[in-house]
Amino acid sequence: MIIDKDSRLVLAAKSGRKVPVRLEINPRARRLILRLDTGRREAIGIAPSPRKLAELKAFAQDRVEWLDAQLAAMPETHPLREGSLFHLRGEPCRLHGSGPGRRAHLQSGPPTRLIAPGDPETLARRALRFLKAEARADLEAATARHAARLGISVGQVRVRDTRSRWGSCTTRGDLSYSWRLIMAPPHVLDYVAAHECAHRLEMNHSPAFWAHVARCRPDWQQSRNWLRQNGAALHAVSV
């Protein structure tokens, strides 16, 4: 939950740049947290209660140089527009707003082309709908596969534009994923699905949890490293 009063903080770094920090209160947080929102190119400060707000501001101030360096290193945003090049399942794909048919579809390349006919002003939204649908199909299939392997049940599978997590699992078994995983290589999407399915057995990151992940993806460390190195580029694609 974002707080209404003083919900944003702007810090000054030695570089002369301004460092925006969005302040949030999350009762589930156990400590003060600083995260980066690559889509909005700002930091997020999270406190467990309003009483910790002053402490959170000081916490962010103490780490302003680190925040400044991280934000400066973020890739430039790449909006989805006519002719833009992005990645689909790890391979280059170019977006076009005109072509045969009335529904968005793929044409073989190279590179692969996403054809989304219609009003030029809504091209990005049509492309996003297509990508979310592709992400849902791949994530539902991967989730079903890993759930069967682990012998667990899952609830609803949702696809969202999450910023701080690639996936999440509730205690009821509902799973949420970032649609942006459809841009990553398939093994990365598959790893995230395995990760969230494993949380149905262990709601933590203990050795037992990682053992469950390894049952589904023995190479999970490679996929996790890929996300750590390239995740910011996925978030740089904007609508």
Protein backbone atom coordinates (compact mmCIF):
# COMPACT_ATOMS: atom_id res chain seq x y z
CA MET A 1 0.00 0.00 0.00
CA ILE A 2 1.47 3.36 -1.04
CA ILE A 3 1.17 6.00 1.63
CA ASP A 4 -0.59 9.24 0.72
CA LYS A 5 1.40 11.72 2.80
CA ASP A 6 4.99 12.41 1.72
CA SER A 7 4.82 9.39 -0.57
CA ARG A 8 7.83 10.51 -2.61
CA LEU A 9 11.31 11.51 -1.67
CA VAL A 10 13.88 13.14 -3.97
CA LEU A 11 17.49 12.76 -2.89
CA ALA A 12 20.57 14.53 -4.27
CA ALA A 13 23.56 12.40 -5.26
CA LYS A 14 27.17 13.56 -5.55
CA SER A 15 26.87 13.14 -9.34
CA GLY A 16 24.39 16.01 -9.37
CA ARG A 17 21.56 13.71 -10.37
CA LYS A 18 18.27 13.54 -8.52
CA VAL A 19 17.33 10.16 -7.07
CA PRO A 20 13.54 9.66 -6.79
CA VAL A 21 12.35 7.28 -4.09
CA ARG A 22 8.73 6.12 -3.85
CA LEU A 23 7.80 5.40 -0.24
CA GLU A 24 5.45 2.57 0.65
CA ILE A 25 4.06 0.96 3.78
CA ASN A 26 3.69 -2.81 3.75
CA PRO A 27 2.68 -4.44 7.06
CA ARG A 28 4.06 -7.75 5.81
CA ALA A 29 7.58 -6.34 5.54
CA ARG A 30 9.83 -7.42 8.39
CA ARG A 31 12.43 -4.73 7.86
CA LEU A 32 13.22 -1.62 5.86
CA ILE A 33 13.65 -2.45 2.17
CA LEU A 34 15.03 -0.58 -0.84
CA ARG A 35 14.17 -1.83 -4.32
CA LEU A 36 14.50 -0.52 -7.86
CA ASP A 37 11.59 0.01 -10.24
CA THR A 38 13.28 -0.33 -13.61
CA GLY A 39 10.14 0.56 -15.55
CA ARG A 40 9.70 3.90 -13.80
CA ARG A 41 13.44 4.40 -13.22
CA GLU A 42 13.06 5.13 -9.54
CA ALA A 43 13.75 3.52 -6.19
CA ILE A 44 11.11 2.10 -3.87
CA GLY A 45 11.48 2.35 -0.11
CA ILE A 46 9.31 0.00 1.96
CA ALA A 47 8.63 0.26 5.69
CA PRO A 48 6.55 -2.13 7.83
CA SER A 49 4.57 0.71 9.47
CA PRO A 50 4.11 4.52 9.30
CA ARG A 51 6.12 4.83 12.50
CA LYS A 52 9.16 3.65 10.55
CA LEU A 53 8.78 6.32 7.85
CA ALA A 54 11.44 8.69 9.24
CA GLU A 55 13.82 5.75 9.62
CA LEU A 56 13.10 4.70 6.05
CA LYS A 57 13.97 8.18 4.73
CA ALA A 58 17.27 8.11 6.62
CA PHE A 59 17.91 4.58 5.34
CA ALA A 60 17.46 5.76 1.74
CA GLN A 61 19.63 8.84 2.33
CA ASP A 62 22.48 6.69 3.65
CA ARG A 63 22.35 4.62 0.45
CA VAL A 64 21.78 7.41 -2.05
CA GLU A 65 25.09 6.85 -3.87
CA TRP A 66 24.33 3.17 -4.37
CA LEU A 67 20.83 4.00 -5.60
CA ASP A 68 22.22 6.63 -7.96
CA ALA A 69 24.73 4.17 -9.45
CA GLN A 70 22.06 1.48 -9.91
CA LEU A 71 19.60 3.85 -11.58
CA ALA A 72 22.29 5.30 -13.86
CA ALA A 73 23.23 1.78 -15.00
CA MET A 74 19.67 0.91 -16.04
CA PRO A 75 19.10 0.46 -19.77
CA GLU A 76 17.10 3.09 -21.61
CA THR A 77 13.42 2.35 -22.04
CA HIS A 78 12.24 0.90 -25.35
CA PRO A 79 8.58 1.62 -26.09
CA LEU A 80 6.55 -0.78 -28.20
CA ARG A 81 5.89 1.13 -31.41
CA GLU A 82 5.91 0.61 -35.18
CA GLY A 83 9.13 -1.11 -36.21
CA SER A 84 10.49 -1.53 -32.68
CA LEU A 85 12.61 -4.59 -31.98
CA PHE A 86 12.16 -6.59 -28.79
CA HIS A 87 12.62 -10.22 -27.77
CA LEU A 88 10.05 -12.99 -27.82
CA ARG A 89 11.07 -16.24 -26.11
CA GLY A 90 14.65 -15.03 -26.24
CA GLU A 91 14.71 -14.32 -29.98
CA PRO A 92 14.47 -10.96 -31.83
CA CYS A 93 10.98 -9.91 -32.87
CA ARG A 94 9.90 -6.77 -34.74
CA LEU A 95 6.53 -5.09 -34.24
CA HIS A 96 4.38 -3.97 -37.18
CA GLY A 97 0.93 -2.38 -37.13
CA SER A 98 -0.10 -3.37 -40.64
CA GLY A 99 -0.29 -6.69 -42.41
CA PRO A 100 -2.65 -9.49 -43.38
CA GLY A 101 -5.56 -10.46 -41.15
CA ARG A 102 -7.39 -8.65 -38.39
CA ARG A 103 -5.91 -10.28 -35.30
CA ALA A 104 -2.39 -10.03 -33.93
CA HIS A 105 -0.22 -12.93 -35.07
CA LEU A 106 3.37 -13.92 -35.69
CA GLN A 107 5.15 -14.19 -39.02
CA SER A 108 8.39 -16.11 -39.42
CA GLY A 109 11.56 -14.11 -40.02
CA PRO A 110 14.32 -13.51 -39.48
CA PRO A 111 13.53 -11.71 -37.40
CA THR A 112 10.11 -12.97 -36.36
CA ARG A 113 7.46 -10.30 -36.87
CA LEU A 114 4.52 -9.54 -34.62
CA ILE A 115 1.76 -8.23 -36.87
CA ALA A 116 -0.93 -6.34 -34.92
CA PRO A 117 -3.24 -4.65 -37.47
CA GLY A 118 -5.38 -1.71 -36.38
CA ASP A 119 -5.28 1.88 -35.21
CA PRO A 120 -1.66 3.11 -34.97
CA GLU A 121 -2.44 4.90 -31.70
CA THR A 122 -3.34 1.63 -29.97
CA LEU A 123 -0.58 -0.52 -31.46
CA ALA A 124 1.28 -0.87 -28.18
CA ARG A 125 -1.84 -2.02 -26.33
CA ARG A 126 -2.64 -4.62 -28.99
CA ALA A 127 0.92 -5.90 -28.85
CA LEU A 128 0.75 -6.06 -25.06
CA ARG A 129 -2.49 -8.09 -25.17
CA PHE A 130 -0.86 -10.54 -27.54
CA LEU A 131 2.27 -10.87 -25.41
CA LYS A 132 0.25 -11.37 -22.23
CA ALA A 133 -1.78 -14.10 -23.91
CA GLU A 134 1.40 -15.84 -25.08
CA ALA A 135 2.89 -15.52 -21.59
CA ARG A 136 -0.23 -16.98 -19.99
CA ALA A 137 -0.23 -19.97 -22.34
CA ASP A 138 3.44 -20.75 -21.69
CA LEU A 139 3.20 -20.18 -17.93
CA GLU A 140 0.05 -22.27 -17.52
CA ALA A 141 1.70 -25.13 -19.39
CA ALA A 142 4.92 -24.87 -17.37
CA THR A 143 3.01 -24.60 -14.10
CA ALA A 144 0.92 -27.69 -14.88
CA ARG A 145 4.04 -29.65 -15.81
CA HIS A 146 5.94 -28.77 -12.63
CA ALA A 147 2.90 -29.20 -10.40
CA ALA A 148 2.50 -32.74 -11.70
CA ARG A 149 6.17 -33.48 -11.14
CA LEU A 150 6.06 -32.19 -7.55
CA GLY A 151 2.69 -33.75 -6.82
CA ILE A 152 1.07 -30.50 -5.78
CA SER A 153 -2.07 -28.58 -6.68
CA VAL A 154 -2.22 -24.92 -7.64
CA GLY A 155 -5.00 -22.36 -7.67
CA GLN A 156 -5.41 -19.55 -10.15
CA VAL A 157 -2.58 -18.57 -12.49
CA ARG A 158 -2.44 -14.83 -13.08
CA VAL A 159 -0.25 -12.79 -15.44
CA ARG A 160 0.53 -9.23 -14.39
CA ASP A 161 3.08 -6.48 -14.84
CA THR A 162 4.85 -7.01 -11.52
CA ARG A 163 7.91 -4.87 -10.87
CA SER A 164 9.68 -6.33 -7.86
CA ARG A 165 9.07 -10.04 -8.43
CA TRP A 166 8.99 -12.35 -11.44
CA GLY A 167 6.50 -14.56 -9.68
CA SER A 168 4.71 -15.11 -6.39
CA CYS A 169 2.74 -17.83 -4.62
CA THR A 170 0.04 -17.31 -2.00
CA THR A 171 -0.68 -19.67 0.87
CA ARG A 172 -3.86 -20.69 -0.98
CA GLY A 173 -1.81 -21.78 -3.98
CA ASP A 174 -2.61 -18.93 -6.37
CA LEU A 175 0.35 -18.07 -8.60
CA SER A 176 1.16 -14.72 -10.22
CA TYR A 177 3.77 -14.13 -12.89
CA SER A 178 5.20 -11.21 -14.84
CA TRP A 179 4.13 -11.17 -18.49
CA ARG A 180 7.64 -9.97 -19.32
CA LEU A 181 8.93 -13.52 -18.88
CA ILE A 182 7.67 -14.21 -22.41
CA MET A 183 10.55 -12.08 -23.68
CA ALA A 184 13.16 -14.21 -21.89
CA PRO A 185 14.53 -17.53 -23.19
CA PRO A 186 12.10 -20.40 -22.50
CA HIS A 187 14.33 -21.98 -19.86
CA VAL A 188 14.05 -18.78 -17.78
CA LEU A 189 10.25 -18.73 -17.86
CA ASP A 190 10.25 -22.43 -17.04
CA TYR A 191 12.54 -21.86 -14.05
CA VAL A 192 10.27 -19.17 -12.59
CA ALA A 193 7.29 -21.51 -12.89
CA ALA A 194 9.27 -24.24 -11.13
CA HIS A 195 10.29 -21.76 -8.44
CA GLU A 196 6.71 -20.77 -7.66
CA CYS A 197 5.46 -24.36 -7.76
CA ALA A 198 8.16 -25.31 -5.24
CA HIS A 199 6.73 -22.71 -2.87
CA ARG A 200 3.64 -24.91 -2.58
CA LEU A 201 5.87 -27.27 -0.60
CA GLU A 202 8.16 -24.76 1.10
CA MET A 203 7.15 -21.12 1.63
CA ASN A 204 10.77 -20.11 2.09
CA HIS A 205 14.14 -20.38 0.34
CA SER A 206 15.59 -23.17 2.44
CA PRO A 207 17.78 -25.99 1.09
CA ALA A 208 14.65 -28.13 0.97
CA PHE A 209 12.98 -25.53 -1.25
CA TRP A 210 15.88 -25.45 -3.72
CA ALA A 211 15.91 -29.24 -3.80
CA HIS A 212 12.31 -29.13 -5.07
CA VAL A 213 13.28 -26.55 -7.69
CA ALA A 214 16.18 -28.77 -8.79
CA ARG A 215 13.77 -31.70 -9.30
CA CYS A 216 12.07 -29.59 -11.97
CA ARG A 217 15.03 -27.60 -13.29
CA PRO A 218 18.45 -29.11 -12.50
CA ASP A 219 20.00 -26.08 -14.25
CA TRP A 220 18.00 -23.53 -12.21
CA GLN A 221 21.10 -21.53 -11.25
CA GLN A 222 21.82 -20.71 -14.91
CA SER A 223 18.30 -19.39 -15.36
CA ARG A 224 18.38 -17.39 -12.14
CA ASN A 225 21.69 -15.83 -13.16
CA TRP A 226 20.23 -14.90 -16.55
CA LEU A 227 17.40 -13.03 -14.84
CA ARG A 228 19.80 -11.22 -12.53
CA GLN A 229 21.91 -10.09 -15.48
CA ASN A 230 19.15 -9.30 -17.98
CA GLY A 231 16.02 -8.61 -15.96
CA ALA A 232 16.42 -4.84 -16.20
CA ALA A 233 16.33 -5.09 -20.00
CA LEU A 234 12.97 -6.88 -19.83
CA HIS A 235 11.56 -4.13 -17.64
CA ALA A 236 12.92 -1.49 -20.04
CA VAL A 237 10.29 -2.45 -22.63
CA SER A 238 7.43 0.00 -22.14
CA VAL A 239 3.91 0.43 -23.49
